[in-house]
Amino acid sequence: MEIGQQVKVCRLRDRVSPLIVKRLGKIGTVKGFKMLDGSSVGVVVQFEDQFATWFFEDELKVMQ
């Protein structure tokens, strides 16, 4: 994944707040990356309403 790409939230690995659950199936733009635990990287995604949060890479699908 690269910054600026459009991605779709296809699944959620963990229990999360209802605010994030509402993003399931939504498309957003990759804005950056976040180091998580030293061995994995999260992807920061911003949505049309300017809300941004991070997801694990396997929770996202790159849109063509």
PDB file of N, CA and C in Angstrom:
ATOM      1  N   MET A   1       0.838  -1.180   0.000  1.00  0.00           N
ATOM      2  CA  MET A   1       0.000   0.000   0.000  1.00  0.00           C
ATOM      3  C   MET A   1       0.881   1.242   0.000  1.00  0.00           C
ATOM      4  N   GLU A   2       0.357   2.263  -0.638  1.00  0.00           N
ATOM      5  CA  GLU A   2       1.099   3.515  -0.744  1.00  0.00           C
ATOM      6  C   GLU A   2       0.214   4.682  -0.315  1.00  0.00           C
ATOM      7  N   ILE A   3       0.841   5.735   0.152  1.00  0.00           N
ATOM      8  CA  ILE A   3       0.112   6.941   0.533  1.00  0.00           C
ATOM      9  C   ILE A   3      -0.642   7.466  -0.691  1.00  0.00           C
ATOM     10  N   GLY A   4      -1.889   7.826  -0.484  1.00  0.00           N
ATOM     11  CA  GLY A   4      -2.728   8.337  -1.568  1.00  0.00           C
ATOM     12  C   GLY A   4      -3.633   7.288  -2.197  1.00  0.00           C
ATOM     13  N   GLN A   5      -3.360   6.009  -1.961  1.00  0.00           N
ATOM     14  CA  GLN A   5      -4.203   4.962  -2.532  1.00  0.00           C
ATOM     15  C   GLN A   5      -5.554   4.914  -1.832  1.00  0.00           C
ATOM     16  N   GLN A   6      -6.563   4.506  -2.589  1.00  0.00           N
ATOM     17  CA  GLN A   6      -7.902   4.292  -2.044  1.00  0.00           C
ATOM     18  C   GLN A   6      -7.961   2.854  -1.523  1.00  0.00           C
ATOM     19  N   VAL A   7      -8.493   2.683  -0.313  1.00  0.00           N
ATOM     20  CA  VAL A   7      -8.632   1.358   0.277  1.00  0.00           C
ATOM     21  C   VAL A   7     -10.028   1.191   0.854  1.00  0.00           C
ATOM     22  N   LYS A   8     -10.465  -0.066   0.911  1.00  0.00           N
ATOM     23  CA  LYS A   8     -11.771  -0.392   1.487  1.00  0.00           C
ATOM     24  C   LYS A   8     -11.539  -1.207   2.755  1.00  0.00           C
ATOM     25  N   VAL A   9     -12.258  -0.883   3.804  1.00  0.00           N
ATOM     26  CA  VAL A   9     -12.166  -1.637   5.059  1.00  0.00           C
ATOM     27  C   VAL A   9     -13.000  -2.901   4.890  1.00  0.00           C
ATOM     28  N   CYS A  10     -12.333  -4.065   4.843  1.00  0.00           N
ATOM     29  CA  CYS A  10     -13.065  -5.307   4.596  1.00  0.00           C
ATOM     30  C   CYS A  10     -13.324  -6.146   5.835  1.00  0.00           C
ATOM     31  N   ARG A  11     -12.554  -5.935   6.886  1.00  0.00           N
ATOM     32  CA  ARG A  11     -12.800  -6.695   8.114  1.00  0.00           C
ATOM     33  C   ARG A  11     -12.158  -5.952   9.274  1.00  0.00           C
ATOM     34  N   LEU A  12     -12.533  -6.336  10.469  1.00  0.00           N
ATOM     35  CA  LEU A  12     -11.942  -5.764  11.675  1.00  0.00           C
ATOM     36  C   LEU A  12     -11.443  -6.913  12.533  1.00  0.00           C
ATOM     37  N   ARG A  13     -10.171  -6.887  12.881  1.00  0.00           N
ATOM     38  CA  ARG A  13      -9.544  -7.956  13.648  1.00  0.00           C
ATOM     39  C   ARG A  13      -9.986  -8.002  15.098  1.00  0.00           C
ATOM     40  N   ASP A  14     -10.090  -6.855  15.711  1.00  0.00           N
ATOM     41  CA  ASP A  14     -10.372  -6.766  17.143  1.00  0.00           C
ATOM     42  C   ASP A  14     -11.697  -6.066  17.393  1.00  0.00           C
ATOM     43  N   ARG A  15     -12.121  -6.137  18.646  1.00  0.00           N
ATOM     44  CA  ARG A  15     -13.292  -5.353  19.041  1.00  0.00           C
ATOM     45  C   ARG A  15     -12.889  -3.897  19.052  1.00  0.00           C
ATOM     46  N   VAL A  16     -13.704  -3.085  18.447  1.00  0.00           N
ATOM     47  CA  VAL A  16     -13.400  -1.656  18.346  1.00  0.00           C
ATOM     48  C   VAL A  16     -14.660  -0.857  18.675  1.00  0.00           C
ATOM     49  N   SER A  17     -14.503   0.444  18.780  1.00  0.00           N
ATOM     50  CA  SER A  17     -15.632   1.315  19.104  1.00  0.00           C
ATOM     51  C   SER A  17     -16.644   1.335  17.955  1.00  0.00           C
ATOM     52  N   PRO A  18     -17.895   1.655  18.275  1.00  0.00           N
ATOM     53  CA  PRO A  18     -18.928   1.756  17.231  1.00  0.00           C
ATOM     54  C   PRO A  18     -18.561   2.765  16.136  1.00  0.00           C
ATOM     55  N   LEU A  19     -17.805   3.792  16.487  1.00  0.00           N
ATOM     56  CA  LEU A  19     -17.380   4.793  15.517  1.00  0.00           C
ATOM     57  C   LEU A  19     -16.529   4.155  14.416  1.00  0.00           C
ATOM     58  N   ILE A  20     -15.698   3.193  14.790  1.00  0.00           N
ATOM     59  CA  ILE A  20     -14.848   2.508  13.806  1.00  0.00           C
ATOM     60  C   ILE A  20     -15.630   1.404  13.097  1.00  0.00           C
ATOM     61  N   VAL A  21     -16.525   0.726  13.810  1.00  0.00           N
ATOM     62  CA  VAL A  21     -17.345  -0.324  13.182  1.00  0.00           C
ATOM     63  C   VAL A  21     -18.135   0.257  12.009  1.00  0.00           C
ATOM     64  N   LYS A  22     -18.570   1.512  12.126  1.00  0.00           N
ATOM     65  CA  LYS A  22     -19.318   2.164  11.035  1.00  0.00           C
ATOM     66  C   LYS A  22     -18.486   2.295   9.764  1.00  0.00           C
ATOM     67  N   ARG A  23     -17.164   2.168   9.864  1.00  0.00           N
ATOM     68  CA  ARG A  23     -16.285   2.311   8.691  1.00  0.00           C
ATOM     69  C   ARG A  23     -16.160   1.011   7.903  1.00  0.00           C
ATOM     70  N   LEU A  24     -16.654  -0.093   8.445  1.00  0.00           N
ATOM     71  CA  LEU A  24     -16.583  -1.383   7.756  1.00  0.00           C
ATOM     72  C   LEU A  24     -17.311  -1.276   6.419  1.00  0.00           C
ATOM     73  N   GLY A  25     -16.625  -1.614   5.339  1.00  0.00           N
ATOM     74  CA  GLY A  25     -17.193  -1.526   3.998  1.00  0.00           C
ATOM     75  C   GLY A  25     -17.003  -0.168   3.337  1.00  0.00           C
ATOM     76  N   LYS A  26     -16.467   0.793   4.063  1.00  0.00           N
ATOM     77  CA  LYS A  26     -16.266   2.150   3.532  1.00  0.00           C
ATOM     78  C   LYS A  26     -14.909   2.273   2.844  1.00  0.00           C
ATOM     79  N   ILE A  27     -14.796   3.251   1.970  1.00  0.00           N
ATOM     80  CA  ILE A  27     -13.554   3.521   1.247  1.00  0.00           C
ATOM     81  C   ILE A  27     -12.929   4.795   1.784  1.00  0.00           C
ATOM     82  N   GLY A  28     -11.621   4.735   1.995  1.00  0.00           N
ATOM     83  CA  GLY A  28     -10.875   5.892   2.467  1.00  0.00           C
ATOM     84  C   GLY A  28      -9.544   5.986   1.733  1.00  0.00           C
ATOM     85  N   THR A  29      -8.741   6.969   2.122  1.00  0.00           N
ATOM     86  CA  THR A  29      -7.450   7.229   1.486  1.00  0.00           C
ATOM     87  C   THR A  29      -6.327   6.984   2.483  1.00  0.00           C
ATOM     88  N   VAL A  30      -5.284   6.266   2.046  1.00  0.00           N
ATOM     89  CA  VAL A  30      -4.123   6.030   2.903  1.00  0.00           C
ATOM     90  C   VAL A  30      -3.388   7.357   3.090  1.00  0.00           C
ATOM     91  N   LYS A  31      -3.224   7.759   4.348  1.00  0.00           N
ATOM     92  CA  LYS A  31      -2.562   9.025   4.677  1.00  0.00           C
ATOM     93  C   LYS A  31      -1.186   8.820   5.281  1.00  0.00           C
ATOM     94  N   GLY A  32      -0.895   7.609   5.752  1.00  0.00           N
ATOM     95  CA  GLY A  32       0.408   7.362   6.359  1.00  0.00           C
ATOM     96  C   GLY A  32       0.452   5.989   6.999  1.00  0.00           C
ATOM     97  N   PHE A  33       1.502   5.764   7.786  1.00  0.00           N
ATOM     98  CA  PHE A  33       1.724   4.481   8.434  1.00  0.00           C
ATOM     99  C   PHE A  33       2.075   4.709   9.895  1.00  0.00           C
ATOM    100  N   LYS A  34       1.842   3.690  10.730  1.00  0.00           N
ATOM    101  CA  LYS A  34       2.071   3.804  12.160  1.00  0.00           C
ATOM    102  C   LYS A  34       2.775   2.541  12.636  1.00  0.00           C
ATOM    103  N   MET A  35       3.921   2.693  13.310  1.00  0.00           N
ATOM    104  CA  MET A  35       4.615   1.538  13.872  1.00  0.00           C
ATOM    105  C   MET A  35       3.815   1.056  15.076  1.00  0.00           C
ATOM    106  N   LEU A  36       3.521  -0.244  15.122  1.00  0.00           N
ATOM    107  CA  LEU A  36       2.671  -0.763  16.181  1.00  0.00           C
ATOM    108  C   LEU A  36       3.479  -1.372  17.327  1.00  0.00           C
ATOM    109  N   ASP A  37       3.986  -2.572  17.164  1.00  0.00           N
ATOM    110  CA  ASP A  37       4.669  -3.235  18.266  1.00  0.00           C
ATOM    111  C   ASP A  37       6.116  -3.595  17.937  1.00  0.00           C
ATOM    112  N   GLY A  38       6.693  -2.928  17.002  1.00  0.00           N
ATOM    113  CA  GLY A  38       8.069  -3.216  16.619  1.00  0.00           C
ATOM    114  C   GLY A  38       8.193  -4.211  15.489  1.00  0.00           C
ATOM    115  N   SER A  39       7.129  -4.964  15.214  1.00  0.00           N
ATOM    116  CA  SER A  39       7.213  -5.948  14.135  1.00  0.00           C
ATOM    117  C   SER A  39       6.098  -5.794  13.104  1.00  0.00           C
ATOM    118  N   SER A  40       5.145  -4.936  13.389  1.00  0.00           N
ATOM    119  CA  SER A  40       4.069  -4.732  12.410  1.00  0.00           C
ATOM    120  C   SER A  40       3.768  -3.243  12.251  1.00  0.00           C
ATOM    121  N   VAL A  41       3.129  -2.947  11.131  1.00  0.00           N
ATOM    122  CA  VAL A  41       2.842  -1.561  10.781  1.00  0.00           C
ATOM    123  C   VAL A  41       1.347  -1.411  10.541  1.00  0.00           C
ATOM    124  N   GLY A  42       0.774  -0.334  11.065  1.00  0.00           N
ATOM    125  CA  GLY A  42      -0.622  -0.015  10.820  1.00  0.00           C
ATOM    126  C   GLY A  42      -0.716   1.002   9.690  1.00  0.00           C
ATOM    127  N   VAL A  43      -1.855   1.030   9.043  1.00  0.00           N
ATOM    128  CA  VAL A  43      -2.096   1.944   7.930  1.00  0.00           C
ATOM    129  C   VAL A  43      -3.098   3.001   8.394  1.00  0.00           C
ATOM    130  N   VAL A  44      -2.724   4.276   8.300  1.00  0.00           N
ATOM    131  CA  VAL A  44      -3.616   5.371   8.688  1.00  0.00           C
ATOM    132  C   VAL A  44      -4.492   5.705   7.489  1.00  0.00           C
ATOM    133  N   VAL A  45      -5.810   5.631   7.702  1.00  0.00           N
ATOM    134  CA  VAL A  45      -6.783   5.863   6.633  1.00  0.00           C
ATOM    135  C   VAL A  45      -7.677   7.036   7.022  1.00  0.00           C
ATOM    136  N   GLN A  46      -7.888   7.935   6.055  1.00  0.00           N
ATOM    137  CA  GLN A  46      -8.792   9.070   6.267  1.00  0.00           C
ATOM    138  C   GLN A  46     -10.007   8.896   5.354  1.00  0.00           C
ATOM    139  N   PHE A  47     -11.177   9.157   5.914  1.00  0.00           N
ATOM    140  CA  PHE A  47     -12.430   8.995   5.186  1.00  0.00           C
ATOM    141  C   PHE A  47     -12.965  10.352   4.727  1.00  0.00           C
ATOM    142  N   GLU A  48     -14.021  10.337   3.914  1.00  0.00           N
ATOM    143  CA  GLU A  48     -14.590  11.564   3.336  1.00  0.00           C
ATOM    144  C   GLU A  48     -14.976  12.603   4.386  1.00  0.00           C
ATOM    145  N   ASP A  49     -15.411  12.130   5.552  1.00  0.00           N
ATOM    146  CA  ASP A  49     -15.837  13.064   6.602  1.00  0.00           C
ATOM    147  C   ASP A  49     -14.662  13.573   7.438  1.00  0.00           C
ATOM    148  N   GLN A  50     -13.432  13.332   6.959  1.00  0.00           N
ATOM    149  CA  GLN A  50     -12.179  13.766   7.579  1.00  0.00           C
ATOM    150  C   GLN A  50     -11.796  12.952   8.817  1.00  0.00           C
ATOM    151  N   PHE A  51     -12.591  11.950   9.206  1.00  0.00           N
ATOM    152  CA  PHE A  51     -12.232  11.057  10.305  1.00  0.00           C
ATOM    153  C   PHE A  51     -11.072  10.189   9.848  1.00  0.00           C
ATOM    154  N   ALA A  52     -10.059  10.032  10.688  1.00  0.00           N
ATOM    155  CA  ALA A  52      -8.902   9.198  10.348  1.00  0.00           C
ATOM    156  C   ALA A  52      -8.580   8.277  11.513  1.00  0.00           C
ATOM    157  N   THR A  53      -8.192   7.058  11.212  1.00  0.00           N
ATOM    158  CA  THR A  53      -7.754   6.090  12.202  1.00  0.00           C
ATOM    159  C   THR A  53      -6.868   5.074  11.497  1.00  0.00           C
ATOM    160  N   TRP A  54      -6.248   4.180  12.280  1.00  0.00           N
ATOM    161  CA  TRP A  54      -5.360   3.204  11.661  1.00  0.00           C
ATOM    162  C   TRP A  54      -6.012   1.823  11.661  1.00  0.00           C
ATOM    163  N   PHE A  55      -5.572   0.996  10.685  1.00  0.00           N
ATOM    164  CA  PHE A  55      -6.030  -0.377  10.543  1.00  0.00           C
ATOM    165  C   PHE A  55      -4.821  -1.264  10.285  1.00  0.00           C
ATOM    166  N   PHE A  56      -4.959  -2.553  10.589  1.00  0.00           N
ATOM    167  CA  PHE A  56      -3.950  -3.516  10.173  1.00  0.00           C
ATOM    168  C   PHE A  56      -4.054  -3.670   8.654  1.00  0.00           C
ATOM    169  N   GLU A  57      -2.925  -3.969   8.012  1.00  0.00           N
ATOM    170  CA  GLU A  57      -2.928  -4.101   6.546  1.00  0.00           C
ATOM    171  C   GLU A  57      -3.915  -5.141   6.053  1.00  0.00           C
ATOM    172  N   ASP A  58      -4.046  -6.257   6.790  1.00  0.00           N
ATOM    173  CA  ASP A  58      -4.946  -7.333   6.326  1.00  0.00           C
ATOM    174  C   ASP A  58      -6.429  -7.006   6.525  1.00  0.00           C
ATOM    175  N   GLU A  59      -6.733  -5.851   7.094  1.00  0.00           N
ATOM    176  CA  GLU A  59      -8.113  -5.420   7.238  1.00  0.00           C
ATOM    177  C   GLU A  59      -8.569  -4.578   6.045  1.00  0.00           C
ATOM    178  N   LEU A  60      -7.616  -4.245   5.180  1.00  0.00           N
ATOM    179  CA  LEU A  60      -7.877  -3.331   4.061  1.00  0.00           C
ATOM    180  C   LEU A  60      -7.678  -4.020   2.722  1.00  0.00           C
ATOM    181  N   LYS A  61      -8.395  -3.539   1.726  1.00  0.00           N
ATOM    182  CA  LYS A  61      -8.237  -4.014   0.345  1.00  0.00           C
ATOM    183  C   LYS A  61      -7.992  -2.780  -0.529  1.00  0.00           C
ATOM    184  N   VAL A  62      -6.937  -2.822  -1.321  1.00  0.00           N
ATOM    185  CA  VAL A  62      -6.638  -1.708  -2.231  1.00  0.00           C
ATOM    186  C   VAL A  62      -7.659  -1.688  -3.346  1.00  0.00           C
ATOM    187  N   MET A  63      -8.237  -0.521  -3.606  1.00  0.00           N
ATOM    188  CA  MET A  63      -9.224  -0.351  -4.679  1.00  0.00           C
ATOM    189  C   MET A  63      -8.474   0.037  -5.961  1.00  0.00           C
ATOM    190  N   GLN A  64      -8.939  -0.481  -7.083  1.00  0.00           N
ATOM    191  CA  GLN A  64      -8.295  -0.196  -8.373  1.00  0.00           C
ATOM    192  C   GLN A  64      -8.909   1.004  -9.025  1.00  0.00           C
TER     193      GLN A  64
END
